[in-house]
Amino acid sequence: MIRVFLEVMTLFFLPTLIYVAFAIATRRPGLSALAALDRMPVFVLSILGAGLVTGVLALLGSEGTGKPGQAYEPAVMKDGKLIPGHMR
């Protein structure tokens, strides 16, 4: 569950991380890193992050290989061999 939370939060903050890296890399000489971030467009970056999370979850959530009515059979160990999960 922690992994899923961290993946979603990484996707949400990815536009902000890219913006911060760009702002620090292109700041004027003599300007501190915090001063370069004073005019950060928080609302726009939040919308971009939420859109990225929504898009990725929609894309990955719609990747189903089963047909309606099929059930997923999880992976099992049988006679020392791993039988991968599949739709049945």
PDB file of N, CA and C in Angstrom:
ATOM      1  N   MET A   1       0.815  -1.187   0.000  1.00  0.00           N
ATOM      2  CA  MET A   1       0.000   0.000   0.000  1.00  0.00           C
ATOM      3  C   MET A   1       0.866   1.261   0.000  1.00  0.00           C
ATOM      4  N   ILE A   2       1.990   1.181   0.726  1.00  0.00           N
ATOM      5  CA  ILE A   2       2.908   2.323   0.760  1.00  0.00           C
ATOM      6  C   ILE A   2       3.470   2.577  -0.637  1.00  0.00           C
ATOM      7  N   ARG A   3       3.767   1.508  -1.375  1.00  0.00           N
ATOM      8  CA  ARG A   3       4.325   1.655  -2.722  1.00  0.00           C
ATOM      9  C   ARG A   3       3.349   2.391  -3.627  1.00  0.00           C
ATOM     10  N   VAL A   4       2.082   2.043  -3.560  1.00  0.00           N
ATOM     11  CA  VAL A   4       1.065   2.694  -4.388  1.00  0.00           C
ATOM     12  C   VAL A   4       0.970   4.174  -4.022  1.00  0.00           C
ATOM     13  N   PHE A   5       0.971   4.470  -2.726  1.00  0.00           N
ATOM     14  CA  PHE A   5       0.909   5.856  -2.265  1.00  0.00           C
ATOM     15  C   PHE A   5       2.115   6.644  -2.778  1.00  0.00           C
ATOM     16  N   LEU A   6       3.305   6.059  -2.665  1.00  0.00           N
ATOM     17  CA  LEU A   6       4.511   6.752  -3.120  1.00  0.00           C
ATOM     18  C   LEU A   6       4.509   6.965  -4.634  1.00  0.00           C
ATOM     19  N   GLU A   7       3.992   6.002  -5.388  1.00  0.00           N
ATOM     20  CA  GLU A   7       3.913   6.162  -6.842  1.00  0.00           C
ATOM     21  C   GLU A   7       2.971   7.308  -7.215  1.00  0.00           C
ATOM     22  N   VAL A   8       1.827   7.372  -6.569  1.00  0.00           N
ATOM     23  CA  VAL A   8       0.857   8.427  -6.867  1.00  0.00           C
ATOM     24  C   VAL A   8       1.413   9.788  -6.473  1.00  0.00           C
ATOM     25  N   MET A   9       2.043   9.876  -5.309  1.00  0.00           N
ATOM     26  CA  MET A   9       2.606  11.147  -4.862  1.00  0.00           C
ATOM     27  C   MET A   9       3.769  11.585  -5.764  1.00  0.00           C
ATOM     28  N   THR A  10       4.568  10.642  -6.237  1.00  0.00           N
ATOM     29  CA  THR A  10       5.648  10.979  -7.169  1.00  0.00           C
ATOM     30  C   THR A  10       5.085  11.544  -8.458  1.00  0.00           C
ATOM     31  N   LEU A  11       4.032  10.927  -8.977  1.00  0.00           N
ATOM     32  CA  LEU A  11       3.403  11.447 -10.191  1.00  0.00           C
ATOM     33  C   LEU A  11       2.817  12.834  -9.952  1.00  0.00           C
ATOM     34  N   PHE A  12       2.220  13.041  -8.783  1.00  0.00           N
ATOM     35  CA  PHE A  12       1.610  14.338  -8.477  1.00  0.00           C
ATOM     36  C   PHE A  12       2.663  15.442  -8.379  1.00  0.00           C
ATOM     37  N   PHE A  13       3.790  15.150  -7.748  1.00  0.00           N
ATOM     38  CA  PHE A  13       4.809  16.174  -7.548  1.00  0.00           C
ATOM     39  C   PHE A  13       5.825  16.257  -8.687  1.00  0.00           C
ATOM     40  N   LEU A  14       5.743  15.397  -9.691  1.00  0.00           N
ATOM     41  CA  LEU A  14       6.694  15.418 -10.801  1.00  0.00           C
ATOM     42  C   LEU A  14       6.728  16.755 -11.539  1.00  0.00           C
ATOM     43  N   PRO A  15       5.602  17.375 -11.901  1.00  0.00           N
ATOM     44  CA  PRO A  15       5.678  18.689 -12.553  1.00  0.00           C
ATOM     45  C   PRO A  15       6.356  19.741 -11.671  1.00  0.00           C
ATOM     46  N   THR A  16       6.104  19.690 -10.371  1.00  0.00           N
ATOM     47  CA  THR A  16       6.733  20.643  -9.457  1.00  0.00           C
ATOM     48  C   THR A  16       8.234  20.410  -9.383  1.00  0.00           C
ATOM     49  N   LEU A  17       8.656  19.156  -9.318  1.00  0.00           N
ATOM     50  CA  LEU A  17      10.087  18.861  -9.269  1.00  0.00           C
ATOM     51  C   LEU A  17      10.792  19.325 -10.535  1.00  0.00           C
ATOM     52  N   ILE A  18      10.156  19.127 -11.676  1.00  0.00           N
ATOM     53  CA  ILE A  18      10.743  19.583 -12.945  1.00  0.00           C
ATOM     54  C   ILE A  18      10.832  21.105 -12.961  1.00  0.00           C
ATOM     55  N   TYR A  19       9.781  21.781 -12.483  1.00  0.00           N
ATOM     56  CA  TYR A  19       9.785  23.241 -12.451  1.00  0.00           C
ATOM     57  C   TYR A  19      10.875  23.766 -11.519  1.00  0.00           C
ATOM     58  N   VAL A  20      11.008  23.170 -10.352  1.00  0.00           N
ATOM     59  CA  VAL A  20      12.020  23.615  -9.388  1.00  0.00           C
ATOM     60  C   VAL A  20      13.417  23.422  -9.969  1.00  0.00           C
ATOM     61  N   ALA A  21      13.674  22.280 -10.584  1.00  0.00           N
ATOM     62  CA  ALA A  21      14.982  22.037 -11.187  1.00  0.00           C
ATOM     63  C   ALA A  21      15.274  23.060 -12.287  1.00  0.00           C
ATOM     64  N   PHE A  22      14.273  23.375 -13.110  1.00  0.00           N
ATOM     65  CA  PHE A  22      14.443  24.347 -14.177  1.00  0.00           C
ATOM     66  C   PHE A  22      14.681  25.748 -13.612  1.00  0.00           C
ATOM     67  N   ALA A  23      13.908  26.129 -12.594  1.00  0.00           N
ATOM     68  CA  ALA A  23      14.040  27.465 -12.003  1.00  0.00           C
ATOM     69  C   ALA A  23      15.407  27.652 -11.357  1.00  0.00           C
ATOM     70  N   ILE A  24      15.902  26.637 -10.693  1.00  0.00           N
ATOM     71  CA  ILE A  24      17.214  26.743 -10.049  1.00  0.00           C
ATOM     72  C   ILE A  24      18.323  26.749 -11.096  1.00  0.00           C
ATOM     73  N   ALA A  25      18.177  25.936 -12.141  1.00  0.00           N
ATOM     74  CA  ALA A  25      19.213  25.866 -13.173  1.00  0.00           C
ATOM     75  C   ALA A  25      19.304  27.149 -13.995  1.00  0.00           C
ATOM     76  N   THR A  26      18.207  27.868 -14.145  1.00  0.00           N
ATOM     77  CA  THR A  26      18.207  29.060 -15.007  1.00  0.00           C
ATOM     78  C   THR A  26      18.140  30.369 -14.222  1.00  0.00           C
ATOM     79  N   ARG A  27      18.379  30.331 -12.922  1.00  0.00           N
ATOM     80  CA  ARG A  27      18.306  31.565 -12.130  1.00  0.00           C
ATOM     81  C   ARG A  27      19.477  32.491 -12.470  1.00  0.00           C
ATOM     82  N   ARG A  28      19.246  33.756 -12.221  1.00  0.00           N
ATOM     83  CA  ARG A  28      20.287  34.758 -12.479  1.00  0.00           C
ATOM     84  C   ARG A  28      21.424  34.595 -11.484  1.00  0.00           C
ATOM     85  N   PRO A  29      22.635  34.931 -11.900  1.00  0.00           N
ATOM     86  CA  PRO A  29      23.766  34.848 -10.963  1.00  0.00           C
ATOM     87  C   PRO A  29      23.532  35.770  -9.765  1.00  0.00           C
ATOM     88  N   GLY A  30      23.871  35.308  -8.598  1.00  0.00           N
ATOM     89  CA  GLY A  30      23.699  36.089  -7.384  1.00  0.00           C
ATOM     90  C   GLY A  30      22.331  35.941  -6.755  1.00  0.00           C
ATOM     91  N   LEU A  31      21.399  35.277  -7.406  1.00  0.00           N
ATOM     92  CA  LEU A  31      20.046  35.082  -6.880  1.00  0.00           C
ATOM     93  C   LEU A  31      20.010  33.754  -6.124  1.00  0.00           C
ATOM     94  N   SER A  32      19.485  33.762  -4.923  1.00  0.00           N
ATOM     95  CA  SER A  32      19.440  32.516  -4.154  1.00  0.00           C
ATOM     96  C   SER A  32      18.400  31.568  -4.759  1.00  0.00           C
ATOM     97  N   ALA A  33      18.516  30.299  -4.383  1.00  0.00           N
ATOM     98  CA  ALA A  33      17.591  29.289  -4.909  1.00  0.00           C
ATOM     99  C   ALA A  33      16.162  29.565  -4.446  1.00  0.00           C
ATOM    100  N   LEU A  34      15.997  30.012  -3.209  1.00  0.00           N
ATOM    101  CA  LEU A  34      14.650  30.306  -2.704  1.00  0.00           C
ATOM    102  C   LEU A  34      14.039  31.513  -3.401  1.00  0.00           C
ATOM    103  N   ALA A  35      14.862  32.492  -3.728  1.00  0.00           N
ATOM    104  CA  ALA A  35      14.348  33.665  -4.432  1.00  0.00           C
ATOM    105  C   ALA A  35      13.908  33.295  -5.847  1.00  0.00           C
ATOM    106  N   ALA A  36      14.551  32.312  -6.450  1.00  0.00           N
ATOM    107  CA  ALA A  36      14.179  31.864  -7.796  1.00  0.00           C
ATOM    108  C   ALA A  36      12.804  31.191  -7.792  1.00  0.00           C
ATOM    109  N   LEU A  37      12.381  30.707  -6.629  1.00  0.00           N
ATOM    110  CA  LEU A  37      11.101  29.986  -6.532  1.00  0.00           C
ATOM    111  C   LEU A  37       9.967  30.852  -5.991  1.00  0.00           C
ATOM    112  N   ASP A  38      10.215  32.137  -5.775  1.00  0.00           N
ATOM    113  CA  ASP A  38       9.188  33.023  -5.217  1.00  0.00           C
ATOM    114  C   ASP A  38       7.926  33.084  -6.064  1.00  0.00           C
ATOM    115  N   ARG A  39       8.057  33.019  -7.349  1.00  0.00           N
ATOM    116  CA  ARG A  39       6.887  33.180  -8.233  1.00  0.00           C
ATOM    117  C   ARG A  39       6.407  31.847  -8.795  1.00  0.00           C
ATOM    118  N   MET A  40       6.583  30.774  -8.041  1.00  0.00           N
ATOM    119  CA  MET A  40       6.205  29.446  -8.503  1.00  0.00           C
ATOM    120  C   MET A  40       4.690  29.360  -8.674  1.00  0.00           C
ATOM    121  N   PRO A  41       4.219  28.916  -9.842  1.00  0.00           N
ATOM    122  CA  PRO A  41       2.767  28.812 -10.099  1.00  0.00           C
ATOM    123  C   PRO A  41       2.180  27.551  -9.458  1.00  0.00           C
ATOM    124  N   VAL A  42       1.922  27.604  -8.167  1.00  0.00           N
ATOM    125  CA  VAL A  42       1.491  26.431  -7.404  1.00  0.00           C
ATOM    126  C   VAL A  42       0.181  25.861  -7.942  1.00  0.00           C
ATOM    127  N   PHE A  43      -0.780  26.726  -8.259  1.00  0.00           N
ATOM    128  CA  PHE A  43      -2.077  26.244  -8.740  1.00  0.00           C
ATOM    129  C   PHE A  43      -1.926  25.482 -10.057  1.00  0.00           C
ATOM    130  N   VAL A  44      -1.179  26.038 -10.988  1.00  0.00           N
ATOM    131  CA  VAL A  44      -0.984  25.385 -12.291  1.00  0.00           C
ATOM    132  C   VAL A  44      -0.245  24.067 -12.122  1.00  0.00           C
ATOM    133  N   LEU A  45       0.783  24.040 -11.278  1.00  0.00           N
ATOM    134  CA  LEU A  45       1.526  22.805 -11.054  1.00  0.00           C
ATOM    135  C   LEU A  45       0.662  21.752 -10.368  1.00  0.00           C
ATOM    136  N   SER A  46      -0.243  22.171  -9.490  1.00  0.00           N
ATOM    137  CA  SER A  46      -1.162  21.223  -8.851  1.00  0.00           C
ATOM    138  C   SER A  46      -2.125  20.621  -9.863  1.00  0.00           C
ATOM    139  N   ILE A  47      -2.636  21.447 -10.756  1.00  0.00           N
ATOM    140  CA  ILE A  47      -3.544  20.958 -11.800  1.00  0.00           C
ATOM    141  C   ILE A  47      -2.807  19.990 -12.731  1.00  0.00           C
ATOM    142  N   LEU A  48      -1.586  20.337 -13.116  1.00  0.00           N
ATOM    143  CA  LEU A  48      -0.800  19.443 -13.973  1.00  0.00           C
ATOM    144  C   LEU A  48      -0.514  18.116 -13.276  1.00  0.00           C
ATOM    145  N   GLY A  49      -0.173  18.170 -11.994  1.00  0.00           N
ATOM    146  CA  GLY A  49       0.089  16.947 -11.237  1.00  0.00           C
ATOM    147  C   GLY A  49      -1.147  16.079 -11.109  1.00  0.00           C
ATOM    148  N   ALA A  50      -2.290  16.695 -10.809  1.00  0.00           N
ATOM    149  CA  ALA A  50      -3.541  15.937 -10.698  1.00  0.00           C
ATOM    150  C   ALA A  50      -3.933  15.338 -12.049  1.00  0.00           C
ATOM    151  N   GLY A  51      -3.711  16.091 -13.114  1.00  0.00           N
ATOM    152  CA  GLY A  51      -4.000  15.562 -14.448  1.00  0.00           C
ATOM    153  C   GLY A  51      -3.096  14.398 -14.807  1.00  0.00           C
ATOM    154  N   LEU A  52      -1.830  14.477 -14.427  1.00  0.00           N
ATOM    155  CA  LEU A  52      -0.893  13.384 -14.692  1.00  0.00           C
ATOM    156  C   LEU A  52      -1.293  12.131 -13.928  1.00  0.00           C
ATOM    157  N   VAL A  53      -1.651  12.281 -12.660  1.00  0.00           N
ATOM    158  CA  VAL A  53      -2.090  11.134 -11.857  1.00  0.00           C
ATOM    159  C   VAL A  53      -3.350  10.519 -12.457  1.00  0.00           C
ATOM    160  N   THR A  54      -4.315  11.358 -12.799  1.00  0.00           N
ATOM    161  CA  THR A  54      -5.570  10.864 -13.371  1.00  0.00           C
ATOM    162  C   THR A  54      -5.330  10.135 -14.690  1.00  0.00           C
ATOM    163  N   GLY A  55      -4.500  10.731 -15.546  1.00  0.00           N
ATOM    164  CA  GLY A  55      -4.218  10.106 -16.841  1.00  0.00           C
ATOM    165  C   GLY A  55      -3.524   8.762 -16.718  1.00  0.00           C
ATOM    166  N   VAL A  56      -2.523   8.685 -15.857  1.00  0.00           N
ATOM    167  CA  VAL A  56      -1.785   7.426 -15.689  1.00  0.00           C
ATOM    168  C   VAL A  56      -2.672   6.356 -15.072  1.00  0.00           C
ATOM    169  N   LEU A  57      -3.455   6.724 -14.047  1.00  0.00           N
ATOM    170  CA  LEU A  57      -4.341   5.733 -13.435  1.00  0.00           C
ATOM    171  C   LEU A  57      -5.422   5.265 -14.402  1.00  0.00           C
ATOM    172  N   ALA A  58      -5.945   6.169 -15.224  1.00  0.00           N
ATOM    173  CA  ALA A  58      -6.958   5.777 -16.209  1.00  0.00           C
ATOM    174  C   ALA A  58      -6.351   4.861 -17.266  1.00  0.00           C
ATOM    175  N   LEU A  59      -5.137   5.180 -17.697  1.00  0.00           N
ATOM    176  CA  LEU A  59      -4.479   4.360 -18.713  1.00  0.00           C
ATOM    177  C   LEU A  59      -4.167   2.966 -18.176  1.00  0.00           C
ATOM    178  N   LEU A  60      -3.588   2.908 -16.992  1.00  0.00           N
ATOM    179  CA  LEU A  60      -3.225   1.607 -16.429  1.00  0.00           C
ATOM    180  C   LEU A  60      -4.434   0.833 -15.932  1.00  0.00           C
ATOM    181  N   GLY A  61      -5.471   1.529 -15.487  1.00  0.00           N
ATOM    182  CA  GLY A  61      -6.667   0.860 -14.993  1.00  0.00           C
ATOM    183  C   GLY A  61      -7.510   0.262 -16.095  1.00  0.00           C
ATOM    184  N   SER A  62      -7.348   0.749 -17.316  1.00  0.00           N
ATOM    185  CA  SER A  62      -8.156   0.235 -18.421  1.00  0.00           C
ATOM    186  C   SER A  62      -7.444  -0.867 -19.192  1.00  0.00           C
ATOM    187  N   GLU A  63      -6.284  -1.281 -18.730  1.00  0.00           N
ATOM    188  CA  GLU A  63      -5.535  -2.329 -19.410  1.00  0.00           C
ATOM    189  C   GLU A  63      -5.944  -3.691 -18.871  1.00  0.00           C
ATOM    190  N   GLY A  64      -7.103  -4.140 -19.217  1.00  0.00           N
ATOM    191  CA  GLY A  64      -7.559  -5.446 -18.774  1.00  0.00           C
ATOM    192  C   GLY A  64      -7.437  -6.454 -19.902  1.00  0.00           C
ATOM    193  N   THR A  65      -6.991  -7.664 -19.568  1.00  0.00           N
ATOM    194  CA  THR A  65      -6.852  -8.672 -20.614  1.00  0.00           C
ATOM    195  C   THR A  65      -8.011  -9.658 -20.616  1.00  0.00           C
ATOM    196  N   GLY A  66      -8.834  -9.606 -19.567  1.00  0.00           N
ATOM    197  CA  GLY A  66      -9.929 -10.560 -19.482  1.00  0.00           C
ATOM    198  C   GLY A  66     -11.184 -10.077 -20.176  1.00  0.00           C
ATOM    199  N   LYS A  67     -12.012 -11.036 -20.510  1.00  0.00           N
ATOM    200  CA  LYS A  67     -13.304 -10.731 -21.113  1.00  0.00           C
ATOM    201  C   LYS A  67     -14.355 -10.680 -20.009  1.00  0.00           C
ATOM    202  N   PRO A  68     -15.475 -10.050 -20.264  1.00  0.00           N
ATOM    203  CA  PRO A  68     -16.528 -10.010 -19.242  1.00  0.00           C
ATOM    204  C   PRO A  68     -16.927 -11.419 -18.816  1.00  0.00           C
ATOM    205  N   GLY A  69     -17.047 -11.635 -17.531  1.00  0.00           N
ATOM    206  CA  GLY A  69     -17.440 -12.939 -17.011  1.00  0.00           C
ATOM    207  C   GLY A  69     -16.259 -13.814 -16.630  1.00  0.00           C
ATOM    208  N   GLN A  70     -15.047 -13.447 -17.044  1.00  0.00           N
ATOM    209  CA  GLN A  70     -13.881 -14.241 -16.685  1.00  0.00           C
ATOM    210  C   GLN A  70     -13.428 -13.878 -15.278  1.00  0.00           C
ATOM    211  N   ALA A  71     -12.791 -14.833 -14.625  1.00  0.00           N
ATOM    212  CA  ALA A  71     -12.275 -14.601 -13.283  1.00  0.00           C
ATOM    213  C   ALA A  71     -10.763 -14.750 -13.291  1.00  0.00           C
ATOM    214  N   TYR A  72     -10.085 -13.971 -12.456  1.00  0.00           N
ATOM    215  CA  TYR A  72      -8.634 -14.056 -12.353  1.00  0.00           C
ATOM    216  C   TYR A  72      -8.259 -15.183 -11.412  1.00  0.00           C
ATOM    217  N   GLU A  73      -7.366 -16.044 -11.849  1.00  0.00           N
ATOM    218  CA  GLU A  73      -6.850 -17.120 -11.018  1.00  0.00           C
ATOM    219  C   GLU A  73      -5.422 -16.754 -10.631  1.00  0.00           C
ATOM    220  N   PRO A  74      -5.159 -16.511  -9.345  1.00  0.00           N
ATOM    221  CA  PRO A  74      -3.836 -16.052  -8.930  1.00  0.00           C
ATOM    222  C   PRO A  74      -2.751 -17.120  -9.116  1.00  0.00           C
ATOM    223  N   ALA A  75      -1.503 -16.685  -9.053  1.00  0.00           N
ATOM    224  CA  ALA A  75      -0.369 -17.597  -9.173  1.00  0.00           C
ATOM    225  C   ALA A  75      -0.353 -18.562  -7.993  1.00  0.00           C
ATOM    226  N   VAL A  76       0.040 -19.807  -8.267  1.00  0.00           N
ATOM    227  CA  VAL A  76       0.116 -20.832  -7.214  1.00  0.00           C
ATOM    228  C   VAL A  76       1.390 -21.645  -7.384  1.00  0.00           C
ATOM    229  N   MET A  77       1.833 -22.247  -6.284  1.00  0.00           N
ATOM    230  CA  MET A  77       2.958 -23.183  -6.330  1.00  0.00           C
ATOM    231  C   MET A  77       2.375 -24.589  -6.412  1.00  0.00           C
ATOM    232  N   LYS A  78       2.779 -25.345  -7.438  1.00  0.00           N
ATOM    233  CA  LYS A  78       2.278 -26.701  -7.604  1.00  0.00           C
ATOM    234  C   LYS A  78       3.468 -27.608  -7.916  1.00  0.00           C
ATOM    235  N   ASP A  79       3.708 -28.585  -7.067  1.00  0.00           N
ATOM    236  CA  ASP A  79       4.828 -29.511  -7.215  1.00  0.00           C
ATOM    237  C   ASP A  79       6.160 -28.770  -7.340  1.00  0.00           C
ATOM    238  N   GLY A  80       6.339 -27.699  -6.582  1.00  0.00           N
ATOM    239  CA  GLY A  80       7.588 -26.952  -6.584  1.00  0.00           C
ATOM    240  C   GLY A  80       7.750 -26.010  -7.768  1.00  0.00           C
ATOM    241  N   LYS A  81       6.736 -25.899  -8.598  1.00  0.00           N
ATOM    242  CA  LYS A  81       6.812 -24.996  -9.754  1.00  0.00           C
ATOM    243  C   LYS A  81       5.777 -23.884  -9.590  1.00  0.00           C
ATOM    244  N   LEU A  82       6.169 -22.694 -10.009  1.00  0.00           N
ATOM    245  CA  LEU A  82       5.267 -21.550  -9.948  1.00  0.00           C
ATOM    246  C   LEU A  82       4.426 -21.499 -11.214  1.00  0.00           C
ATOM    247  N   ILE A  83       3.128 -21.569 -11.024  1.00  0.00           N
ATOM    248  CA  ILE A  83       2.197 -21.447 -12.155  1.00  0.00           C
ATOM    249  C   ILE A  83       1.676 -20.009 -12.113  1.00  0.00           C
ATOM    250  N   PRO A  84       1.981 -19.206 -13.148  1.00  0.00           N
ATOM    251  CA  PRO A  84       1.594 -17.786 -13.116  1.00  0.00           C
ATOM    252  C   PRO A  84       0.084 -17.598 -13.113  1.00  0.00           C
ATOM    253  N   GLY A  85      -0.332 -16.451 -12.609  1.00  0.00           N
ATOM    254  CA  GLY A  85      -1.748 -16.126 -12.610  1.00  0.00           C
ATOM    255  C   GLY A  85      -2.260 -15.901 -14.023  1.00  0.00           C
ATOM    256  N   HIS A  86      -3.539 -16.185 -14.223  1.00  0.00           N
ATOM    257  CA  HIS A  86      -4.133 -16.010 -15.552  1.00  0.00           C
ATOM    258  C   HIS A  86      -5.644 -15.867 -15.422  1.00  0.00           C
ATOM    259  N   MET A  87      -6.248 -15.446 -16.529  1.00  0.00           N
ATOM    260  CA  MET A  87      -7.702 -15.333 -16.580  1.00  0.00           C
ATOM    261  C   MET A  87      -8.272 -16.674 -16.977  1.00  0.00           C
ATOM    262  N   ARG A  88      -9.390 -17.029 -16.329  1.00  0.00           N
ATOM    263  CA  ARG A  88      -9.983 -18.335 -16.685  1.00  0.00           C
ATOM    264  C   ARG A  88     -11.458 -18.161 -16.941  1.00  0.00           C
TER     265      ARG A  88
END
